[in-house]
Amino acid sequence: MGWVFEVAKMFMYISFPVGIFHYYHHPMIFEKLMIEEKKKYFPPTSRKRNAEVEDFINKYNYDIKRKQLEAMEMQERGKY
């Protein structure tokens, strides 16, 4: 019984990880799950949302440029 049992244990030690690897490396198993997760983390964008983001970016850039121009004008007034 000794060596037969050891061979059976060794077979299980080797075949279990190989079987699990084989099962979990099939993309068909995770396709539905991954599609749901992708929709959750990356929701589809709408044109309205894109327009809002673009308006925010334009306003932000305008504010930065305006502040830079004001700082440049203040420097020029101080020089002369």
PDB file of N, CA and C in Angstrom:
ATOM      1  N   MET A   1       0.817  -1.194   0.000  1.00  0.00           N
ATOM      2  CA  MET A   1       0.000   0.000   0.000  1.00  0.00           C
ATOM      3  C   MET A   1       0.860   1.257   0.000  1.00  0.00           C
ATOM      4  N   GLY A   2       2.052   1.211   0.428  1.00  0.00           N
ATOM      5  CA  GLY A   2       2.873   2.394   0.579  1.00  0.00           C
ATOM      6  C   GLY A   2       3.182   3.098  -0.725  1.00  0.00           C
ATOM      7  N   TRP A   3       3.766   2.382  -1.676  1.00  0.00           N
ATOM      8  CA  TRP A   3       4.185   3.059  -2.902  1.00  0.00           C
ATOM      9  C   TRP A   3       3.006   3.396  -3.796  1.00  0.00           C
ATOM     10  N   VAL A   4       1.928   2.582  -3.767  1.00  0.00           N
ATOM     11  CA  VAL A   4       0.745   2.856  -4.587  1.00  0.00           C
ATOM     12  C   VAL A   4       0.067   4.137  -4.096  1.00  0.00           C
ATOM     13  N   PHE A   5       0.005   4.283  -2.799  1.00  0.00           N
ATOM     14  CA  PHE A   5      -0.595   5.484  -2.225  1.00  0.00           C
ATOM     15  C   PHE A   5       0.227   6.725  -2.581  1.00  0.00           C
ATOM     16  N   GLU A   6       1.550   6.601  -2.511  1.00  0.00           N
ATOM     17  CA  GLU A   6       2.418   7.726  -2.862  1.00  0.00           C
ATOM     18  C   GLU A   6       2.281   8.102  -4.338  1.00  0.00           C
ATOM     19  N   VAL A   7       2.144   7.111  -5.207  1.00  0.00           N
ATOM     20  CA  VAL A   7       1.954   7.388  -6.632  1.00  0.00           C
ATOM     21  C   VAL A   7       0.615   8.093  -6.847  1.00  0.00           C
ATOM     22  N   ALA A   8      -0.426   7.656  -6.138  1.00  0.00           N
ATOM     23  CA  ALA A   8      -1.744   8.292  -6.263  1.00  0.00           C
ATOM     24  C   ALA A   8      -1.685   9.744  -5.776  1.00  0.00           C
ATOM     25  N   LYS A   9      -0.984   9.979  -4.660  1.00  0.00           N
ATOM     26  CA  LYS A   9      -0.842  11.345  -4.161  1.00  0.00           C
ATOM     27  C   LYS A   9      -0.081  12.218  -5.157  1.00  0.00           C
ATOM     28  N   MET A  10       0.997  11.676  -5.717  1.00  0.00           N
ATOM     29  CA  MET A  10       1.779  12.439  -6.684  1.00  0.00           C
ATOM     30  C   MET A  10       0.941  12.749  -7.917  1.00  0.00           C
ATOM     31  N   PHE A  11       0.126  11.795  -8.358  1.00  0.00           N
ATOM     32  CA  PHE A  11      -0.766  12.032  -9.494  1.00  0.00           C
ATOM     33  C   PHE A  11      -1.729  13.179  -9.186  1.00  0.00           C
ATOM     34  N   MET A  12      -2.286  13.205  -7.985  1.00  0.00           N
ATOM     35  CA  MET A  12      -3.205  14.278  -7.603  1.00  0.00           C
ATOM     36  C   MET A  12      -2.471  15.619  -7.498  1.00  0.00           C
ATOM     37  N   TYR A  13      -1.257  15.608  -6.936  1.00  0.00           N
ATOM     38  CA  TYR A  13      -0.486  16.845  -6.808  1.00  0.00           C
ATOM     39  C   TYR A  13      -0.186  17.464  -8.170  1.00  0.00           C
ATOM     40  N   ILE A  14       0.029  16.618  -9.161  1.00  0.00           N
ATOM     41  CA  ILE A  14       0.355  17.120 -10.498  1.00  0.00           C
ATOM     42  C   ILE A  14      -0.897  17.413 -11.305  1.00  0.00           C
ATOM     43  N   SER A  15      -1.883  16.532 -11.259  1.00  0.00           N
ATOM     44  CA  SER A  15      -3.050  16.683 -12.139  1.00  0.00           C
ATOM     45  C   SER A  15      -3.999  17.788 -11.677  1.00  0.00           C
ATOM     46  N   PHE A  16      -4.109  18.037 -10.391  1.00  0.00           N
ATOM     47  CA  PHE A  16      -5.034  19.071  -9.922  1.00  0.00           C
ATOM     48  C   PHE A  16      -4.646  20.458 -10.436  1.00  0.00           C
ATOM     49  N   PRO A  17      -3.416  20.927 -10.261  1.00  0.00           N
ATOM     50  CA  PRO A  17      -3.069  22.250 -10.807  1.00  0.00           C
ATOM     51  C   PRO A  17      -3.158  22.310 -12.329  1.00  0.00           C
ATOM     52  N   VAL A  18      -2.791  21.223 -12.997  1.00  0.00           N
ATOM     53  CA  VAL A  18      -2.879  21.210 -14.455  1.00  0.00           C
ATOM     54  C   VAL A  18      -4.336  21.293 -14.886  1.00  0.00           C
ATOM     55  N   GLY A  19      -5.213  20.573 -14.213  1.00  0.00           N
ATOM     56  CA  GLY A  19      -6.644  20.623 -14.531  1.00  0.00           C
ATOM     57  C   GLY A  19      -7.235  21.998 -14.277  1.00  0.00           C
ATOM     58  N   ILE A  20      -6.889  22.602 -13.167  1.00  0.00           N
ATOM     59  CA  ILE A  20      -7.375  23.949 -12.854  1.00  0.00           C
ATOM     60  C   ILE A  20      -6.850  24.946 -13.878  1.00  0.00           C
ATOM     61  N   PHE A  21      -5.582  24.849 -14.249  1.00  0.00           N
ATOM     62  CA  PHE A  21      -5.006  25.725 -15.267  1.00  0.00           C
ATOM     63  C   PHE A  21      -5.753  25.568 -16.584  1.00  0.00           C
ATOM     64  N   HIS A  22      -6.024  24.340 -16.960  1.00  0.00           N
ATOM     65  CA  HIS A  22      -6.730  24.074 -18.217  1.00  0.00           C
ATOM     66  C   HIS A  22      -8.149  24.655 -18.181  1.00  0.00           C
ATOM     67  N   TYR A  23      -8.839  24.505 -17.059  1.00  0.00           N
ATOM     68  CA  TYR A  23     -10.218  24.988 -16.949  1.00  0.00           C
ATOM     69  C   TYR A  23     -10.278  26.516 -16.990  1.00  0.00           C
ATOM     70  N   TYR A  24      -9.422  27.178 -16.242  1.00  0.00           N
ATOM     71  CA  TYR A  24      -9.510  28.634 -16.113  1.00  0.00           C
ATOM     72  C   TYR A  24      -8.845  29.411 -17.246  1.00  0.00           C
ATOM     73  N   HIS A  25      -8.215  28.746 -18.176  1.00  0.00           N
ATOM     74  CA  HIS A  25      -7.591  29.456 -19.285  1.00  0.00           C
ATOM     75  C   HIS A  25      -8.381  29.301 -20.574  1.00  0.00           C
ATOM     76  N   HIS A  26      -9.684  29.172 -20.428  1.00  0.00           N
ATOM     77  CA  HIS A  26     -10.578  29.188 -21.582  1.00  0.00           C
ATOM     78  C   HIS A  26     -11.330  30.513 -21.557  1.00  0.00           C
ATOM     79  N   PRO A  27     -11.152  31.367 -22.553  1.00  0.00           N
ATOM     80  CA  PRO A  27     -11.793  32.686 -22.525  1.00  0.00           C
ATOM     81  C   PRO A  27     -13.313  32.626 -22.572  1.00  0.00           C
ATOM     82  N   MET A  28     -13.871  31.545 -23.069  1.00  0.00           N
ATOM     83  CA  MET A  28     -15.333  31.443 -23.139  1.00  0.00           C
ATOM     84  C   MET A  28     -15.959  31.496 -21.750  1.00  0.00           C
ATOM     85  N   ILE A  29     -15.245  31.014 -20.758  1.00  0.00           N
ATOM     86  CA  ILE A  29     -15.769  30.978 -19.396  1.00  0.00           C
ATOM     87  C   ILE A  29     -15.936  32.396 -18.850  1.00  0.00           C
ATOM     88  N   PHE A  30     -14.985  33.261 -19.152  1.00  0.00           N
ATOM     89  CA  PHE A  30     -14.979  34.596 -18.573  1.00  0.00           C
ATOM     90  C   PHE A  30     -15.565  35.670 -19.476  1.00  0.00           C
ATOM     91  N   GLU A  31     -15.971  35.310 -20.679  1.00  0.00           N
ATOM     92  CA  GLU A  31     -16.411  36.328 -21.635  1.00  0.00           C
ATOM     93  C   GLU A  31     -17.601  37.131 -21.109  1.00  0.00           C
ATOM     94  N   LYS A  32     -18.613  36.462 -20.603  1.00  0.00           N
ATOM     95  CA  LYS A  32     -19.798  37.162 -20.097  1.00  0.00           C
ATOM     96  C   LYS A  32     -19.437  38.028 -18.887  1.00  0.00           C
ATOM     97  N   LEU A  33     -18.655  37.472 -17.985  1.00  0.00           N
ATOM     98  CA  LEU A  33     -18.242  38.213 -16.795  1.00  0.00           C
ATOM     99  C   LEU A  33     -17.434  39.454 -17.170  1.00  0.00           C
ATOM    100  N   MET A  34     -16.521  39.310 -18.094  1.00  0.00           N
ATOM    101  CA  MET A  34     -15.681  40.437 -18.483  1.00  0.00           C
ATOM    102  C   MET A  34     -16.485  41.518 -19.199  1.00  0.00           C
ATOM    103  N   ILE A  35     -17.457  41.135 -19.996  1.00  0.00           N
ATOM    104  CA  ILE A  35     -18.296  42.128 -20.670  1.00  0.00           C
ATOM    105  C   ILE A  35     -19.085  42.934 -19.644  1.00  0.00           C
ATOM    106  N   GLU A  36     -19.636  42.258 -18.636  1.00  0.00           N
ATOM    107  CA  GLU A  36     -20.385  42.956 -17.586  1.00  0.00           C
ATOM    108  C   GLU A  36     -19.477  43.903 -16.801  1.00  0.00           C
ATOM    109  N   GLU A  37     -18.282  43.441 -16.440  1.00  0.00           N
ATOM    110  CA  GLU A  37     -17.358  44.288 -15.688  1.00  0.00           C
ATOM    111  C   GLU A  37     -16.901  45.480 -16.525  1.00  0.00           C
ATOM    112  N   LYS A  38     -16.660  45.255 -17.798  1.00  0.00           N
ATOM    113  CA  LYS A  38     -16.234  46.351 -18.668  1.00  0.00           C
ATOM    114  C   LYS A  38     -17.327  47.408 -18.770  1.00  0.00           C
ATOM    115  N   LYS A  39     -18.587  46.978 -18.859  1.00  0.00           N
ATOM    116  CA  LYS A  39     -19.689  47.940 -18.908  1.00  0.00           C
ATOM    117  C   LYS A  39     -19.799  48.710 -17.599  1.00  0.00           C
ATOM    118  N   LYS A  40     -19.487  48.040 -16.491  1.00  0.00           N
ATOM    119  CA  LYS A  40     -19.578  48.694 -15.189  1.00  0.00           C
ATOM    120  C   LYS A  40     -18.481  49.752 -15.029  1.00  0.00           C
ATOM    121  N   TYR A  41     -17.248  49.424 -15.408  1.00  0.00           N
ATOM    122  CA  TYR A  41     -16.134  50.345 -15.210  1.00  0.00           C
ATOM    123  C   TYR A  41     -15.993  51.365 -16.327  1.00  0.00           C
ATOM    124  N   PHE A  42     -16.416  51.025 -17.528  1.00  0.00           N
ATOM    125  CA  PHE A  42     -16.317  51.928 -18.669  1.00  0.00           C
ATOM    126  C   PHE A  42     -17.688  52.073 -19.311  1.00  0.00           C
ATOM    127  N   PRO A  43     -18.571  52.865 -18.698  1.00  0.00           N
ATOM    128  CA  PRO A  43     -19.920  52.995 -19.260  1.00  0.00           C
ATOM    129  C   PRO A  43     -19.873  53.669 -20.627  1.00  0.00           C
ATOM    130  N   PRO A  44     -20.828  53.334 -21.476  1.00  0.00           N
ATOM    131  CA  PRO A  44     -20.843  53.973 -22.794  1.00  0.00           C
ATOM    132  C   PRO A  44     -21.068  55.480 -22.647  1.00  0.00           C
ATOM    133  N   THR A  45     -20.338  56.241 -23.434  1.00  0.00           N
ATOM    134  CA  THR A  45     -20.438  57.692 -23.336  1.00  0.00           C
ATOM    135  C   THR A  45     -21.464  58.216 -24.329  1.00  0.00           C
ATOM    136  N   SER A  46     -22.062  59.315 -23.953  1.00  0.00           N
ATOM    137  CA  SER A  46     -23.044  59.942 -24.832  1.00  0.00           C
ATOM    138  C   SER A  46     -22.431  61.210 -25.426  1.00  0.00           C
ATOM    139  N   ARG A  47     -23.048  61.714 -26.460  1.00  0.00           N
ATOM    140  CA  ARG A  47     -22.547  62.943 -27.081  1.00  0.00           C
ATOM    141  C   ARG A  47     -22.684  64.123 -26.123  1.00  0.00           C
ATOM    142  N   LYS A  48     -23.746  64.109 -25.325  1.00  0.00           N
ATOM    143  CA  LYS A  48     -23.942  65.198 -24.366  1.00  0.00           C
ATOM    144  C   LYS A  48     -22.804  65.202 -23.343  1.00  0.00           C
ATOM    145  N   ARG A  49     -22.447  64.030 -22.860  1.00  0.00           N
ATOM    146  CA  ARG A  49     -21.364  63.931 -21.875  1.00  0.00           C
ATOM    147  C   ARG A  49     -20.038  64.370 -22.495  1.00  0.00           C
ATOM    148  N   ASN A  50     -19.794  63.964 -23.728  1.00  0.00           N
ATOM    149  CA  ASN A  50     -18.566  64.386 -24.406  1.00  0.00           C
ATOM    150  C   ASN A  50     -18.531  65.899 -24.573  1.00  0.00           C
ATOM    151  N   ALA A  51     -19.674  66.499 -24.901  1.00  0.00           N
ATOM    152  CA  ALA A  51     -19.737  67.953 -25.059  1.00  0.00           C
ATOM    153  C   ALA A  51     -19.480  68.652 -23.725  1.00  0.00           C
ATOM    154  N   GLU A  52     -20.017  68.107 -22.636  1.00  0.00           N
ATOM    155  CA  GLU A  52     -19.783  68.695 -21.318  1.00  0.00           C
ATOM    156  C   GLU A  52     -18.303  68.649 -20.952  1.00  0.00           C
ATOM    157  N   VAL A  53     -17.668  67.533 -21.205  1.00  0.00           N
ATOM    158  CA  VAL A  53     -16.243  67.407 -20.890  1.00  0.00           C
ATOM    159  C   VAL A  53     -15.425  68.366 -21.749  1.00  0.00           C
ATOM    160  N   GLU A  54     -15.763  68.460 -23.020  1.00  0.00           N
ATOM    161  CA  GLU A  54     -15.037  69.368 -23.911  1.00  0.00           C
ATOM    162  C   GLU A  54     -15.224  70.824 -23.486  1.00  0.00           C
ATOM    163  N   ASP A  55     -16.433  71.202 -23.081  1.00  0.00           N
ATOM    164  CA  ASP A  55     -16.675  72.561 -22.591  1.00  0.00           C
ATOM    165  C   ASP A  55     -15.868  72.848 -21.328  1.00  0.00           C
ATOM    166  N   PHE A  56     -15.820  71.869 -20.426  1.00  0.00           N
ATOM    167  CA  PHE A  56     -15.041  72.037 -19.203  1.00  0.00           C
ATOM    168  C   PHE A  56     -13.567  72.238 -19.525  1.00  0.00           C
ATOM    169  N   ILE A  57     -13.035  71.448 -20.441  1.00  0.00           N
ATOM    170  CA  ILE A  57     -11.621  71.570 -20.815  1.00  0.00           C
ATOM    171  C   ILE A  57     -11.350  72.933 -21.427  1.00  0.00           C
ATOM    172  N   ASN A  58     -12.232  73.380 -22.316  1.00  0.00           N
ATOM    173  CA  ASN A  58     -12.045  74.688 -22.947  1.00  0.00           C
ATOM    174  C   ASN A  58     -12.096  75.816 -21.922  1.00  0.00           C
ATOM    175  N   LYS A  59     -13.043  75.742 -20.989  1.00  0.00           N
ATOM    176  CA  LYS A  59     -13.155  76.767 -19.950  1.00  0.00           C
ATOM    177  C   LYS A  59     -11.912  76.766 -19.058  1.00  0.00           C
ATOM    178  N   TYR A  60     -11.449  75.595 -18.706  1.00  0.00           N
ATOM    179  CA  TYR A  60     -10.258  75.477 -17.865  1.00  0.00           C
ATOM    180  C   TYR A  60      -9.042  76.075 -18.571  1.00  0.00           C
ATOM    181  N   ASN A  61      -8.855  75.730 -19.830  1.00  0.00           N
ATOM    182  CA  ASN A  61      -7.728  76.282 -20.592  1.00  0.00           C
ATOM    183  C   ASN A  61      -7.846  77.797 -20.733  1.00  0.00           C
ATOM    184  N   TYR A  62      -9.068  78.297 -20.949  1.00  0.00           N
ATOM    185  CA  TYR A  62      -9.282  79.741 -21.063  1.00  0.00           C
ATOM    186  C   TYR A  62      -8.899  80.444 -19.759  1.00  0.00           C
ATOM    187  N   ASP A  63      -9.308  79.871 -18.624  1.00  0.00           N
ATOM    188  CA  ASP A  63      -8.977  80.474 -17.330  1.00  0.00           C
ATOM    189  C   ASP A  63      -7.466  80.515 -17.105  1.00  0.00           C
ATOM    190  N   ILE A  64      -6.781  79.455 -17.460  1.00  0.00           N
ATOM    191  CA  ILE A  64      -5.325  79.420 -17.284  1.00  0.00           C
ATOM    192  C   ILE A  64      -4.661  80.478 -18.154  1.00  0.00           C
ATOM    193  N   LYS A  65      -5.072  80.577 -19.411  1.00  0.00           N
ATOM    194  CA  LYS A  65      -4.478  81.571 -20.308  1.00  0.00           C
ATOM    195  C   LYS A  65      -4.774  82.991 -19.831  1.00  0.00           C
ATOM    196  N   ARG A  66      -5.981  83.218 -19.325  1.00  0.00           N
ATOM    197  CA  ARG A  66      -6.342  84.540 -18.821  1.00  0.00           C
ATOM    198  C   ARG A  66      -5.468  84.903 -17.620  1.00  0.00           C
ATOM    199  N   LYS A  67      -5.257  83.969 -16.711  1.00  0.00           N
ATOM    200  CA  LYS A  67      -4.403  84.237 -15.548  1.00  0.00           C
ATOM    201  C   LYS A  67      -2.964  84.505 -15.971  1.00  0.00           C
ATOM    202  N   GLN A  68      -2.490  83.767 -16.969  1.00  0.00           N
ATOM    203  CA  GLN A  68      -1.131  84.004 -17.456  1.00  0.00           C
ATOM    204  C   GLN A  68      -1.009  85.391 -18.074  1.00  0.00           C
ATOM    205  N   LEU A  69      -2.007  85.795 -18.856  1.00  0.00           N
ATOM    206  CA  LEU A  69      -1.977  87.131 -19.459  1.00  0.00           C
ATOM    207  C   LEU A  69      -2.026  88.225 -18.397  1.00  0.00           C
ATOM    208  N   GLU A  70      -2.853  88.036 -17.375  1.00  0.00           N
ATOM    209  CA  GLU A  70      -2.923  89.018 -16.291  1.00  0.00           C
ATOM    210  C   GLU A  70      -1.581  89.126 -15.576  1.00  0.00           C
ATOM    211  N   ALA A  71      -0.929  87.981 -15.354  1.00  0.00           N
ATOM    212  CA  ALA A  71       0.377  88.007 -14.688  1.00  0.00           C
ATOM    213  C   ALA A  71       1.406  88.710 -15.557  1.00  0.00           C
ATOM    214  N   MET A  72       1.357  88.483 -16.865  1.00  0.00           N
ATOM    215  CA  MET A  72       2.288  89.158 -17.772  1.00  0.00           C
ATOM    216  C   MET A  72       2.036  90.663 -17.790  1.00  0.00           C
ATOM    217  N   GLU A  73       0.769  91.085 -17.760  1.00  0.00           N
ATOM    218  CA  GLU A  73       0.449  92.511 -17.740  1.00  0.00           C
ATOM    219  C   GLU A  73       0.942  93.153 -16.452  1.00  0.00           C
ATOM    220  N   MET A  74       0.786  92.446 -15.340  1.00  0.00           N
ATOM    221  CA  MET A  74       1.268  92.981 -14.062  1.00  0.00           C
ATOM    222  C   MET A  74       2.788  93.138 -14.080  1.00  0.00           C
ATOM    223  N   GLN A  75       3.485  92.196 -14.682  1.00  0.00           N
ATOM    224  CA  GLN A  75       4.939  92.303 -14.772  1.00  0.00           C
ATOM    225  C   GLN A  75       5.341  93.488 -15.640  1.00  0.00           C
ATOM    226  N   GLU A  76       4.630  93.696 -16.744  1.00  0.00           N
ATOM    227  CA  GLU A  76       4.961  94.816 -17.637  1.00  0.00           C
ATOM    228  C   GLU A  76       4.703  96.144 -16.962  1.00  0.00           C
ATOM    229  N   ARG A  77       3.629  96.260 -16.215  1.00  0.00           N
ATOM    230  CA  ARG A  77       3.328  97.511 -15.516  1.00  0.00           C
ATOM    231  C   ARG A  77       4.402  97.812 -14.481  1.00  0.00           C
ATOM    232  N   GLY A  78       4.914  96.790 -13.862  1.00  0.00           N
ATOM    233  CA  GLY A  78       5.942  96.987 -12.845  1.00  0.00           C
ATOM    234  C   GLY A  78       7.277  97.407 -13.426  1.00  0.00           C
ATOM    235  N   LYS A  79       7.572  97.033 -14.655  1.00  0.00           N
ATOM    236  CA  LYS A  79       8.863  97.358 -15.269  1.00  0.00           C
ATOM    237  C   LYS A  79       8.939  98.813 -15.677  1.00  0.00           C
ATOM    238  N   TYR A  80       7.897  99.388 -16.203  1.00  0.00           N
ATOM    239  CA  TYR A  80       7.960 100.742 -16.770  1.00  0.00           C
ATOM    240  C   TYR A  80       7.553 101.759 -15.775  1.00  0.00           C
TER     241      TYR A  80
END
